[in-house]
Amino acid sequence: HYYITNNLRMSILTIKCGVSQMPVVGFGTSKTSDPQGAVEMALNTGYRHIDCAHVYRNEVEIGRAFSKTFNTCDIKREEVFITSKLWSTSHRGSHVEPACDKTLSDLQLDYLDLYLIHWPVAFEPGKGSLNPMDDNNVRLMDTQSPSLSETWTAMEKLVESGKCINIGLSNFNIQQIKEVLKNATIKPACLQVESHPLFPNLELLEFCKNNDIAFVSYSPLGAPGRSWKKEDQLDLLDDEDVLKIAQKHDVTAGQVLIRYQVDKGNAVIPKSSSQSRITENFNVLGFSLDSTDMGCLNKLHKKAGPNGYRVYLCPDFKHALPFSF
């Protein structure tokens, strides 16, 4: 599933993503305390895959990092695979291109390597909020109910115009991906979803492999620092089996969890604001997990129940027509 490609001056491990090659270890930018500094550190460490999104509300700061790096450092724009995402208030066909234009302006870019539909649900636009709510604190869904096909057709036009090289999906389930594929002229290049040993998403991964859709894992460590973590939920970084595998390979538990995605044939986007952790997360290509390790990690979700559990449940989406996903 992998090969080394000469990414100008560096040898980068990649997977196929549409018409491009996506570096397998990327850098996530959600809820980063110092977005500009973190992205600059990541690029200088060697990351060549940066994952962004409009809803993270930090693309202006990340754009400063890109501008500084590409104009003053020995790193060129064409060497870095950059992803962003269409937010749910911009699903109407006429809103897609303006949303992409806003992201390109904020990131100070001429094009995106990959643009994803962030969630398969549309919120009411024009309410002055990315997460509009009614007086009862219930999510306001788009009154025009744009179909996934309408949104996807507008995404395809971004490829035709050269603003995006590839387009894809995030947080979609198999049924929703099939709905997009039914009328797509350009097939989704990628699916980005939560995936870690407590929620491996194996059926979804198999579907993507069978349909030549790149699979990207976010929250590969299981979001251990999340504020809504319940006391009885497992912490993968402290799990006995994960720690045994880490000791076996003389690496950290975090590196085992990131490498787990790499050895499944996926790309993975860990995040951090710490230079030491940014470096640690990137240095996962000097070892590999054997079949015993992978078998153990593939069964780990059973500690949390027959299907494991998902960290990002988004309960306020529960009344949306396409829920659950």
C-alpha atoms as a PDB file:
ATOM      1  CA  HIS A   1       0.000   0.000   0.000  1.00  0.00           C
ATOM      2  CA  TYR A   2       2.998   2.284   0.299  1.00  0.00           C
ATOM      3  CA  TYR A   3       5.940   3.433  -1.670  1.00  0.00           C
ATOM      4  CA  ILE A   4       8.565   6.116  -1.405  1.00  0.00           C
ATOM      5  CA  THR A   5       8.098   9.089  -3.690  1.00  0.00           C
ATOM      6  CA  ASN A   6      10.696  11.786  -4.158  1.00  0.00           C
ATOM      7  CA  ASN A   7       8.775  14.820  -2.930  1.00  0.00           C
ATOM      8  CA  LEU A   8      11.311  17.251  -4.433  1.00  0.00           C
ATOM      9  CA  ARG A   9      14.069  17.169  -1.774  1.00  0.00           C
ATOM     10  CA  MET A  10      12.558  14.701   0.697  1.00  0.00           C
ATOM     11  CA  SER A  11      11.545  11.068   0.557  1.00  0.00           C
ATOM     12  CA  ILE A  12       7.970  10.970   1.833  1.00  0.00           C
ATOM     13  CA  LEU A  13       5.871   7.901   2.600  1.00  0.00           C
ATOM     14  CA  THR A  14       2.541   8.405   0.829  1.00  0.00           C
ATOM     15  CA  ILE A  15      -0.761   6.819  -0.139  1.00  0.00           C
ATOM     16  CA  LYS A  16      -2.790   7.549  -3.261  1.00  0.00           C
ATOM     17  CA  CYS A  17      -5.436  10.232  -2.776  1.00  0.00           C
ATOM     18  CA  GLY A  18      -7.337  10.913  -5.973  1.00  0.00           C
ATOM     19  CA  VAL A  19      -4.845  12.222  -8.509  1.00  0.00           C
ATOM     20  CA  SER A  20      -2.284  13.058  -5.815  1.00  0.00           C
ATOM     21  CA  GLN A  21       0.009  11.371  -3.315  1.00  0.00           C
ATOM     22  CA  MET A  22      -0.862  12.149   0.303  1.00  0.00           C
ATOM     23  CA  PRO A  23       1.880  11.924   2.959  1.00  0.00           C
ATOM     24  CA  VAL A  24       0.726   9.316   5.456  1.00  0.00           C
ATOM     25  CA  VAL A  25       1.610  11.295   8.588  1.00  0.00           C
ATOM     26  CA  GLY A  26      -0.125  14.646   8.634  1.00  0.00           C
ATOM     27  CA  PHE A  27      -0.545  17.413  11.176  1.00  0.00           C
ATOM     28  CA  GLY A  28      -3.974  18.242  12.597  1.00  0.00           C
ATOM     29  CA  THR A  29      -4.809  21.834  13.537  1.00  0.00           C
ATOM     30  CA  SER A  30      -8.077  21.566  15.485  1.00  0.00           C
ATOM     31  CA  LYS A  31      -8.093  23.410  18.843  1.00  0.00           C
ATOM     32  CA  THR A  32      -4.400  24.275  18.572  1.00  0.00           C
ATOM     33  CA  SER A  33      -3.370  26.873  21.159  1.00  0.00           C
ATOM     34  CA  ASP A  34      -0.870  28.621  18.851  1.00  0.00           C
ATOM     35  CA  PRO A  35      -1.892  27.692  15.293  1.00  0.00           C
ATOM     36  CA  GLN A  36       0.781  29.712  13.494  1.00  0.00           C
ATOM     37  CA  GLY A  37       3.589  28.532  15.740  1.00  0.00           C
ATOM     38  CA  ALA A  38       2.428  24.909  15.712  1.00  0.00           C
ATOM     39  CA  VAL A  39       2.202  24.747  11.915  1.00  0.00           C
ATOM     40  CA  GLU A  40       5.608  26.387  11.524  1.00  0.00           C
ATOM     41  CA  MET A  41       7.070  23.820  13.951  1.00  0.00           C
ATOM     42  CA  ALA A  42       5.365  20.979  12.106  1.00  0.00           C
ATOM     43  CA  LEU A  43       6.670  22.071   8.706  1.00  0.00           C
ATOM     44  CA  ASN A  44      10.182  22.576  10.055  1.00  0.00           C
ATOM     45  CA  THR A  45      10.024  19.135  11.705  1.00  0.00           C
ATOM     46  CA  GLY A  46       9.289  17.538   8.330  1.00  0.00           C
ATOM     47  CA  TYR A  47       5.509  17.264   8.062  1.00  0.00           C
ATOM     48  CA  ARG A  48       4.322  17.767   4.503  1.00  0.00           C
ATOM     49  CA  HIS A  49       0.619  17.220   5.112  1.00  0.00           C
ATOM     50  CA  ILE A  50      -1.358  19.876   7.018  1.00  0.00           C
ATOM     51  CA  ASP A  51      -5.041  19.393   7.836  1.00  0.00           C
ATOM     52  CA  CYS A  52      -7.191  22.517   8.287  1.00  0.00           C
ATOM     53  CA  ALA A  53     -10.880  23.466   8.454  1.00  0.00           C
ATOM     54  CA  HIS A  54     -12.911  26.660   8.385  1.00  0.00           C
ATOM     55  CA  VAL A  55     -14.757  25.693  11.563  1.00  0.00           C
ATOM     56  CA  TYR A  56     -11.478  25.501  13.514  1.00  0.00           C
ATOM     57  CA  ARG A  57     -11.478  29.310  13.291  1.00  0.00           C
ATOM     58  CA  ASN A  58      -7.713  29.488  12.893  1.00  0.00           C
ATOM     59  CA  GLU A  59      -7.103  29.498   9.133  1.00  0.00           C
ATOM     60  CA  VAL A  60      -5.965  33.150   9.172  1.00  0.00           C
ATOM     61  CA  GLU A  61      -3.201  32.276  11.647  1.00  0.00           C
ATOM     62  CA  ILE A  62      -2.280  29.151   9.685  1.00  0.00           C
ATOM     63  CA  GLY A  63      -2.178  31.260   6.536  1.00  0.00           C
ATOM     64  CA  ARG A  64       0.469  33.432   8.177  1.00  0.00           C
ATOM     65  CA  ALA A  65       2.479  30.291   8.889  1.00  0.00           C
ATOM     66  CA  PHE A  66       2.204  29.184   5.260  1.00  0.00           C
ATOM     67  CA  SER A  67       3.151  32.625   3.937  1.00  0.00           C
ATOM     68  CA  LYS A  68       6.154  32.896   6.237  1.00  0.00           C
ATOM     69  CA  THR A  69       7.339  29.368   5.527  1.00  0.00           C
ATOM     70  CA  PHE A  70       6.879  29.386   1.766  1.00  0.00           C
ATOM     71  CA  ASN A  71       8.416  32.844   1.350  1.00  0.00           C
ATOM     72  CA  THR A  72      11.344  32.647   3.762  1.00  0.00           C
ATOM     73  CA  CYS A  73      12.188  28.965   4.280  1.00  0.00           C
ATOM     74  CA  ASP A  74      13.508  26.261   1.995  1.00  0.00           C
ATOM     75  CA  ILE A  75      10.030  24.707   1.713  1.00  0.00           C
ATOM     76  CA  LYS A  76       7.891  25.254  -1.368  1.00  0.00           C
ATOM     77  CA  ARG A  77       4.093  25.308  -1.558  1.00  0.00           C
ATOM     78  CA  GLU A  78       4.039  22.413  -4.019  1.00  0.00           C
ATOM     79  CA  GLU A  79       5.865  20.214  -1.494  1.00  0.00           C
ATOM     80  CA  VAL A  80       3.068  20.421   1.086  1.00  0.00           C
ATOM     81  CA  PHE A  81      -0.275  18.597   0.869  1.00  0.00           C
ATOM     82  CA  ILE A  82      -2.881  20.970   2.350  1.00  0.00           C
ATOM     83  CA  THR A  83      -6.438  19.978   3.237  1.00  0.00           C
ATOM     84  CA  SER A  84      -9.373  22.104   4.334  1.00  0.00           C
ATOM     85  CA  LYS A  85     -13.077  21.463   4.811  1.00  0.00           C
ATOM     86  CA  LEU A  86     -16.423  22.929   3.805  1.00  0.00           C
ATOM     87  CA  TRP A  87     -18.501  23.755   6.874  1.00  0.00           C
ATOM     88  CA  SER A  88     -22.130  22.766   7.283  1.00  0.00           C
ATOM     89  CA  THR A  89     -23.526  26.315   6.858  1.00  0.00           C
ATOM     90  CA  SER A  90     -22.294  26.308   3.246  1.00  0.00           C
ATOM     91  CA  HIS A  91     -23.875  23.181   1.757  1.00  0.00           C
ATOM     92  CA  ARG A  92     -26.154  24.997  -0.674  1.00  0.00           C
ATOM     93  CA  GLY A  93     -24.695  24.767  -4.152  1.00  0.00           C
ATOM     94  CA  SER A  94     -24.312  28.532  -4.505  1.00  0.00           C
ATOM     95  CA  HIS A  95     -22.465  28.770  -1.188  1.00  0.00           C
ATOM     96  CA  VAL A  96     -19.726  26.205  -1.829  1.00  0.00           C
ATOM     97  CA  GLU A  97     -17.388  28.257  -4.005  1.00  0.00           C
ATOM     98  CA  PRO A  98     -17.551  31.391  -1.796  1.00  0.00           C
ATOM     99  CA  ALA A  99     -16.723  29.203   1.224  1.00  0.00           C
ATOM    100  CA  CYS A 100     -13.723  27.740  -0.591  1.00  0.00           C
ATOM    101  CA  ASP A 101     -12.633  31.226  -1.672  1.00  0.00           C
ATOM    102  CA  LYS A 102     -12.753  32.367   1.972  1.00  0.00           C
ATOM    103  CA  THR A 103     -10.546  29.460   3.032  1.00  0.00           C
ATOM    104  CA  LEU A 104      -8.064  30.096   0.204  1.00  0.00           C
ATOM    105  CA  SER A 105      -7.875  33.772   1.176  1.00  0.00           C
ATOM    106  CA  ASP A 106      -7.414  33.009   4.868  1.00  0.00           C
ATOM    107  CA  LEU A 107      -4.753  30.369   4.178  1.00  0.00           C
ATOM    108  CA  GLN A 108      -3.060  32.653   1.621  1.00  0.00           C
ATOM    109  CA  LEU A 109      -3.157  29.914  -1.002  1.00  0.00           C
ATOM    110  CA  ASP A 110      -4.028  29.696  -4.696  1.00  0.00           C
ATOM    111  CA  TYR A 111      -5.318  26.125  -4.450  1.00  0.00           C
ATOM    112  CA  LEU A 112      -6.028  23.285  -2.033  1.00  0.00           C
ATOM    113  CA  ASP A 113      -4.691  19.769  -2.485  1.00  0.00           C
ATOM    114  CA  LEU A 114      -7.863  18.414  -0.892  1.00  0.00           C
ATOM    115  CA  TYR A 115     -11.214  19.944   0.092  1.00  0.00           C
ATOM    116  CA  LEU A 116     -13.663  17.875   2.136  1.00  0.00           C
ATOM    117  CA  ILE A 117     -17.332  18.143   3.043  1.00  0.00           C
ATOM    118  CA  HIS A 118     -16.773  18.281   6.812  1.00  0.00           C
ATOM    119  CA  TRP A 119     -20.065  16.663   7.938  1.00  0.00           C
ATOM    120  CA  PRO A 120     -22.978  15.132   5.990  1.00  0.00           C
ATOM    121  CA  VAL A 121     -25.475  17.570   7.482  1.00  0.00           C
ATOM    122  CA  ALA A 122     -26.443  21.126   6.513  1.00  0.00           C
ATOM    123  CA  PHE A 123     -27.055  23.966   8.992  1.00  0.00           C
ATOM    124  CA  GLU A 124     -29.074  27.106   8.318  1.00  0.00           C
ATOM    125  CA  PRO A 125     -26.825  29.794   6.821  1.00  0.00           C
ATOM    126  CA  GLY A 126     -27.036  33.521   7.429  1.00  0.00           C
ATOM    127  CA  LYS A 127     -27.584  33.357  11.182  1.00  0.00           C
ATOM    128  CA  GLY A 128     -24.230  34.858  12.129  1.00  0.00           C
ATOM    129  CA  SER A 129     -23.006  31.589  13.617  1.00  0.00           C
ATOM    130  CA  LEU A 130     -21.257  28.463  12.405  1.00  0.00           C
ATOM    131  CA  ASN A 131     -23.425  26.506  14.847  1.00  0.00           C
ATOM    132  CA  PRO A 132     -26.863  28.173  14.663  1.00  0.00           C
ATOM    133  CA  MET A 133     -29.355  27.263  17.387  1.00  0.00           C
ATOM    134  CA  ASP A 134     -33.021  28.107  17.945  1.00  0.00           C
ATOM    135  CA  ASP A 135     -34.485  29.560  21.143  1.00  0.00           C
ATOM    136  CA  ASN A 136     -34.638  26.056  22.629  1.00  0.00           C
ATOM    137  CA  ASN A 137     -30.942  25.467  21.940  1.00  0.00           C
ATOM    138  CA  VAL A 138     -31.744  23.003  19.154  1.00  0.00           C
ATOM    139  CA  ARG A 139     -29.540  22.988  16.084  1.00  0.00           C
ATOM    140  CA  LEU A 140     -31.030  24.893  13.146  1.00  0.00           C
ATOM    141  CA  MET A 141     -30.913  22.666  10.087  1.00  0.00           C
ATOM    142  CA  ASP A 142     -30.896  24.230   6.613  1.00  0.00           C
ATOM    143  CA  THR A 143     -34.508  24.987   5.648  1.00  0.00           C
ATOM    144  CA  GLN A 144     -33.650  24.338   1.993  1.00  0.00           C
ATOM    145  CA  SER A 145     -32.261  20.870   2.834  1.00  0.00           C
ATOM    146  CA  PRO A 146     -29.616  20.804   0.089  1.00  0.00           C
ATOM    147  CA  SER A 147     -28.917  17.257  -1.003  1.00  0.00           C
ATOM    148  CA  LEU A 148     -25.477  15.703  -0.795  1.00  0.00           C
ATOM    149  CA  SER A 149     -25.591  15.538  -4.586  1.00  0.00           C
ATOM    150  CA  GLU A 150     -26.152  19.313  -4.846  1.00  0.00           C
ATOM    151  CA  THR A 151     -23.211  20.017  -2.562  1.00  0.00           C
ATOM    152  CA  TRP A 152     -20.987  17.496  -4.326  1.00  0.00           C
ATOM    153  CA  THR A 153     -21.757  18.904  -7.782  1.00  0.00           C
ATOM    154  CA  ALA A 154     -20.612  22.314  -6.544  1.00  0.00           C
ATOM    155  CA  MET A 155     -17.469  20.712  -5.087  1.00  0.00           C
ATOM    156  CA  GLU A 156     -16.708  19.178  -8.492  1.00  0.00           C
ATOM    157  CA  LYS A 157     -16.748  22.648 -10.040  1.00  0.00           C
ATOM    158  CA  LEU A 158     -13.903  23.625  -7.693  1.00  0.00           C
ATOM    159  CA  VAL A 159     -11.752  20.940  -9.313  1.00  0.00           C
ATOM    160  CA  GLU A 160     -12.736  22.135 -12.765  1.00  0.00           C
ATOM    161  CA  SER A 161     -11.734  25.707 -11.861  1.00  0.00           C
ATOM    162  CA  GLY A 162      -8.375  24.623 -10.425  1.00  0.00           C
ATOM    163  CA  LYS A 163      -9.138  25.803  -6.896  1.00  0.00           C
ATOM    164  CA  CYS A 164      -8.960  22.248  -5.574  1.00  0.00           C
ATOM    165  CA  ILE A 165      -6.927  19.343  -6.903  1.00  0.00           C
ATOM    166  CA  ASN A 166      -8.955  16.696  -5.067  1.00  0.00           C
ATOM    167  CA  ILE A 167     -12.274  16.644  -3.215  1.00  0.00           C
ATOM    168  CA  GLY A 168     -13.544  14.240  -0.588  1.00  0.00           C
ATOM    169  CA  LEU A 169     -15.680  13.545   2.466  1.00  0.00           C
ATOM    170  CA  SER A 170     -15.391  13.603   6.240  1.00  0.00           C
ATOM    171  CA  ASN A 171     -17.557  11.869   8.863  1.00  0.00           C
ATOM    172  CA  PHE A 172     -19.704  10.124   6.231  1.00  0.00           C
ATOM    173  CA  ASN A 173     -21.001   6.578   6.631  1.00  0.00           C
ATOM    174  CA  ILE A 174     -21.205   3.949   3.887  1.00  0.00           C
ATOM    175  CA  GLN A 175     -24.799   4.801   2.928  1.00  0.00           C
ATOM    176  CA  GLN A 176     -23.929   8.491   2.546  1.00  0.00           C
ATOM    177  CA  ILE A 177     -20.809   7.754   0.501  1.00  0.00           C
ATOM    178  CA  LYS A 178     -22.919   5.602  -1.817  1.00  0.00           C
ATOM    179  CA  GLU A 179     -25.354   8.500  -2.175  1.00  0.00           C
ATOM    180  CA  VAL A 180     -22.502  10.745  -3.349  1.00  0.00           C
ATOM    181  CA  LEU A 181     -21.068   8.074  -5.652  1.00  0.00           C
ATOM    182  CA  LYS A 182     -24.448   7.564  -7.331  1.00  0.00           C
ATOM    183  CA  ASN A 183     -24.316  10.852  -9.240  1.00  0.00           C
ATOM    184  CA  ALA A 184     -20.650  11.834  -8.942  1.00  0.00           C
ATOM    185  CA  THR A 185     -18.614  12.766 -11.981  1.00  0.00           C
ATOM    186  CA  ILE A 186     -15.511  13.006  -9.795  1.00  0.00           C
ATOM    187  CA  LYS A 187     -15.272  10.215  -7.232  1.00  0.00           C
ATOM    188  CA  PRO A 188     -14.404  11.206  -3.644  1.00  0.00           C
ATOM    189  CA  ALA A 189     -10.640  10.961  -3.245  1.00  0.00           C
ATOM    190  CA  CYS A 190     -10.676  10.580   0.500  1.00  0.00           C
ATOM    191  CA  LEU A 191     -12.723   9.868   3.602  1.00  0.00           C
ATOM    192  CA  GLN A 192     -11.567  11.366   6.883  1.00  0.00           C
ATOM    193  CA  VAL A 193     -13.125   9.894  10.037  1.00  0.00           C
ATOM    194  CA  GLU A 194     -12.420   9.155  13.672  1.00  0.00           C
ATOM    195  CA  SER A 195     -10.403   5.949  13.925  1.00  0.00           C
ATOM    196  CA  HIS A 196      -8.382   4.412  16.758  1.00  0.00           C
ATOM    197  CA  PRO A 197      -8.243   0.971  18.436  1.00  0.00           C
ATOM    198  CA  LEU A 198     -11.373   1.708  20.508  1.00  0.00           C
ATOM    199  CA  PHE A 199     -13.266   2.713  17.347  1.00  0.00           C
ATOM    200  CA  PRO A 200     -11.412   1.089  14.434  1.00  0.00           C
ATOM    201  CA  ASN A 201     -14.140   1.620  11.834  1.00  0.00           C
ATOM    202  CA  LEU A 202     -13.053  -1.583  10.078  1.00  0.00           C
ATOM    203  CA  GLU A 203     -16.168  -2.003   7.909  1.00  0.00           C
ATOM    204  CA  LEU A 204     -15.883   1.579   6.687  1.00  0.00           C
ATOM    205  CA  LEU A 205     -12.170   1.090   6.012  1.00  0.00           C
ATOM    206  CA  GLU A 206     -12.875  -2.027   3.949  1.00  0.00           C
ATOM    207  CA  PHE A 207     -15.513  -0.160   1.921  1.00  0.00           C
ATOM    208  CA  CYS A 208     -13.051   2.642   1.185  1.00  0.00           C
ATOM    209  CA  LYS A 209     -10.325   0.223   0.100  1.00  0.00           C
ATOM    210  CA  ASN A 210     -12.745  -1.555  -2.214  1.00  0.00           C
ATOM    211  CA  ASN A 211     -13.719   1.769  -3.768  1.00  0.00           C
ATOM    212  CA  ASP A 212     -10.210   3.259  -4.050  1.00  0.00           C
ATOM    213  CA  ILE A 213     -10.964   5.987  -1.491  1.00  0.00           C
ATOM    214  CA  ALA A 214      -8.067   7.066   0.737  1.00  0.00           C
ATOM    215  CA  PHE A 215      -8.806   6.639   4.450  1.00  0.00           C
ATOM    216  CA  VAL A 216      -7.565   9.295   6.883  1.00  0.00           C
ATOM    217  CA  SER A 217      -7.766   8.823  10.645  1.00  0.00           C
ATOM    218  CA  TYR A 218      -8.327  11.729  12.995  1.00  0.00           C
ATOM    219  CA  SER A 219      -8.055  11.398  16.789  1.00  0.00           C
ATOM    220  CA  PRO A 220      -5.728   8.377  16.437  1.00  0.00           C
ATOM    221  CA  LEU A 221      -4.942   8.536  20.175  1.00  0.00           C
ATOM    222  CA  GLY A 222      -8.631   8.543  21.119  1.00  0.00           C
ATOM    223  CA  ALA A 223      -8.642  12.237  22.164  1.00  0.00           C
ATOM    224  CA  PRO A 224      -7.343  11.525  25.697  1.00  0.00           C
ATOM    225  CA  GLY A 225      -7.520  15.190  26.747  1.00  0.00           C
ATOM    226  CA  ARG A 226     -11.162  15.714  25.797  1.00  0.00           C
ATOM    227  CA  SER A 227     -13.193  17.619  28.382  1.00  0.00           C
ATOM    228  CA  TRP A 228     -16.224  15.321  28.073  1.00  0.00           C
ATOM    229  CA  LYS A 229     -14.339  12.094  28.825  1.00  0.00           C
ATOM    230  CA  LYS A 230     -16.256   9.854  31.226  1.00  0.00           C
ATOM    231  CA  GLU A 231     -14.496   8.309  34.214  1.00  0.00           C
ATOM    232  CA  ASP A 232     -15.182   4.755  33.070  1.00  0.00           C
ATOM    233  CA  GLN A 233     -13.838   5.295  29.543  1.00  0.00           C
ATOM    234  CA  LEU A 234     -10.467   3.829  28.683  1.00  0.00           C
ATOM    235  CA  ASP A 235      -7.362   5.889  28.009  1.00  0.00           C
ATOM    236  CA  LEU A 236      -5.437   4.326  25.137  1.00  0.00           C
ATOM    237  CA  LEU A 237      -2.162   5.953  26.215  1.00  0.00           C
ATOM    238  CA  ASP A 238      -2.372   4.056  29.527  1.00  0.00           C
ATOM    239  CA  ASP A 239      -3.730   0.801  28.154  1.00  0.00           C
ATOM    240  CA  GLU A 240      -1.707  -2.221  29.257  1.00  0.00           C
ATOM    241  CA  ASP A 241      -1.644  -3.861  25.816  1.00  0.00           C
ATOM    242  CA  VAL A 242      -0.634  -0.646  24.043  1.00  0.00           C
ATOM    243  CA  LEU A 243       2.144  -0.087  26.580  1.00  0.00           C
ATOM    244  CA  LYS A 244       3.452  -3.642  26.109  1.00  0.00           C
ATOM    245  CA  ILE A 245       3.661  -3.125  22.354  1.00  0.00           C
ATOM    246  CA  ALA A 246       5.407   0.227  22.914  1.00  0.00           C
ATOM    247  CA  GLN A 247       7.966  -1.394  25.198  1.00  0.00           C
ATOM    248  CA  LYS A 248       8.551  -4.168  22.665  1.00  0.00           C
ATOM    249  CA  HIS A 249       9.477  -1.603  19.964  1.00  0.00           C
ATOM    250  CA  ASP A 250      11.124   0.925  22.315  1.00  0.00           C
ATOM    251  CA  VAL A 251       8.666   3.663  21.342  1.00  0.00           C
ATOM    252  CA  THR A 252       5.861   5.533  23.113  1.00  0.00           C
ATOM    253  CA  ALA A 253       2.225   4.489  23.341  1.00  0.00           C
ATOM    254  CA  GLY A 254       1.306   7.444  21.128  1.00  0.00           C
ATOM    255  CA  GLN A 255       3.719   6.302  18.450  1.00  0.00           C
ATOM    256  CA  VAL A 256       2.188   2.811  18.527  1.00  0.00           C
ATOM    257  CA  LEU A 257      -1.294   4.260  17.991  1.00  0.00           C
ATOM    258  CA  ILE A 258      -0.158   6.426  15.079  1.00  0.00           C
ATOM    259  CA  ARG A 259       1.800   3.576  13.501  1.00  0.00           C
ATOM    260  CA  TYR A 260      -1.302   1.381  13.858  1.00  0.00           C
ATOM    261  CA  GLN A 261      -3.017   3.579  11.275  1.00  0.00           C
ATOM    262  CA  VAL A 262       0.004   3.605   8.983  1.00  0.00           C
ATOM    263  CA  ASP A 263       0.209  -0.188   9.030  1.00  0.00           C
ATOM    264  CA  LYS A 264      -3.490  -0.440   8.149  1.00  0.00           C
ATOM    265  CA  GLY A 265      -2.763   1.506   4.964  1.00  0.00           C
ATOM    266  CA  ASN A 266      -4.236   4.772   6.234  1.00  0.00           C
ATOM    267  CA  ALA A 267      -3.062   8.335   6.533  1.00  0.00           C
ATOM    268  CA  VAL A 268      -3.233   9.800  10.036  1.00  0.00           C
ATOM    269  CA  ILE A 269      -3.367  13.353  11.407  1.00  0.00           C
ATOM    270  CA  PRO A 270      -2.288  13.620  15.057  1.00  0.00           C
ATOM    271  CA  LYS A 271      -2.132  17.101  16.566  1.00  0.00           C
ATOM    272  CA  SER A 272      -0.096  18.869  19.242  1.00  0.00           C
ATOM    273  CA  SER A 273       1.267  22.290  20.164  1.00  0.00           C
ATOM    274  CA  SER A 274       4.396  20.910  21.841  1.00  0.00           C
ATOM    275  CA  GLN A 275       7.616  20.688  19.835  1.00  0.00           C
ATOM    276  CA  SER A 276       8.602  17.445  21.567  1.00  0.00           C
ATOM    277  CA  ARG A 277       5.231  15.830  20.886  1.00  0.00           C
ATOM    278  CA  ILE A 278       5.098  17.161  17.313  1.00  0.00           C
ATOM    279  CA  THR A 279       8.473  15.510  16.715  1.00  0.00           C
ATOM    280  CA  GLU A 280       7.489  12.293  18.498  1.00  0.00           C
ATOM    281  CA  ASN A 281       4.284  11.933  16.484  1.00  0.00           C
ATOM    282  CA  PHE A 282       6.195  12.396  13.238  1.00  0.00           C
ATOM    283  CA  ASN A 283       8.873   9.812  14.036  1.00  0.00           C
ATOM    284  CA  VAL A 284       6.829   6.665  13.486  1.00  0.00           C
ATOM    285  CA  LEU A 285       8.419   5.353  10.311  1.00  0.00           C
ATOM    286  CA  GLY A 286      11.451   3.737  11.931  1.00  0.00           C
ATOM    287  CA  PHE A 287       9.509   0.687  13.119  1.00  0.00           C
ATOM    288  CA  SER A 288       6.467  -1.321  12.094  1.00  0.00           C
ATOM    289  CA  LEU A 289       3.914  -3.409  13.919  1.00  0.00           C
ATOM    290  CA  ASP A 290       3.871  -7.151  13.298  1.00  0.00           C
ATOM    291  CA  SER A 291       0.782  -9.305  12.837  1.00  0.00           C
ATOM    292  CA  THR A 292       0.620 -10.091  16.563  1.00  0.00           C
ATOM    293  CA  ASP A 293       0.651  -6.387  17.434  1.00  0.00           C
ATOM    294  CA  MET A 294      -2.007  -5.581  14.836  1.00  0.00           C
ATOM    295  CA  GLY A 295      -4.199  -8.470  15.960  1.00  0.00           C
ATOM    296  CA  CYS A 296      -4.034  -7.250  19.548  1.00  0.00           C
ATOM    297  CA  LEU A 297      -4.866  -3.660  18.604  1.00  0.00           C
ATOM    298  CA  ASN A 298      -7.690  -4.747  16.272  1.00  0.00           C
ATOM    299  CA  LYS A 299      -9.390  -6.485  19.230  1.00  0.00           C
ATOM    300  CA  LEU A 300      -8.829  -3.679  21.714  1.00  0.00           C
ATOM    301  CA  HIS A 301     -12.251  -2.120  21.120  1.00  0.00           C
ATOM    302  CA  LYS A 302     -13.862  -5.160  22.761  1.00  0.00           C
ATOM    303  CA  LYS A 303     -12.650  -3.848  26.120  1.00  0.00           C
ATOM    304  CA  ALA A 304     -15.207  -1.062  25.673  1.00  0.00           C
ATOM    305  CA  GLY A 305     -18.034  -3.244  24.367  1.00  0.00           C
ATOM    306  CA  PRO A 306     -18.722  -5.237  21.196  1.00  0.00           C
ATOM    307  CA  ASN A 307     -18.289  -2.216  18.903  1.00  0.00           C
ATOM    308  CA  GLY A 308     -16.059  -0.018  21.039  1.00  0.00           C
ATOM    309  CA  TYR A 309     -17.110   3.593  21.345  1.00  0.00           C
ATOM    310  CA  ARG A 310     -16.904   6.781  19.392  1.00  0.00           C
ATOM    311  CA  VAL A 311     -15.404   9.912  20.968  1.00  0.00           C
ATOM    312  CA  TYR A 312     -17.106  12.474  18.699  1.00  0.00           C
ATOM    313  CA  LEU A 313     -20.764  11.529  19.010  1.00  0.00           C
ATOM    314  CA  CYS A 314     -22.187  15.001  18.201  1.00  0.00           C
ATOM    315  CA  PRO A 315     -25.464  14.352  20.094  1.00  0.00           C
ATOM    316  CA  ASP A 316     -26.914  17.702  18.980  1.00  0.00           C
ATOM    317  CA  PHE A 317     -26.982  16.324  15.413  1.00  0.00           C
ATOM    318  CA  LYS A 318     -29.334  13.522  16.449  1.00  0.00           C
ATOM    319  CA  HIS A 319     -32.417  15.079  14.849  1.00  0.00           C
ATOM    320  CA  ALA A 320     -30.670  15.652  11.510  1.00  0.00           C
ATOM    321  CA  LEU A 321     -32.117  13.612   8.645  1.00  0.00           C
ATOM    322  CA  PRO A 322     -28.856  11.827   7.772  1.00  0.00           C
ATOM    323  CA  PHE A 323     -27.989  10.892  11.384  1.00  0.00           C
ATOM    324  CA  SER A 324     -26.358   8.662  12.493  1.00  0.00           C
ATOM    325  CA  PHE A 325     -22.897   8.855  10.982  1.00  0.00           C
END
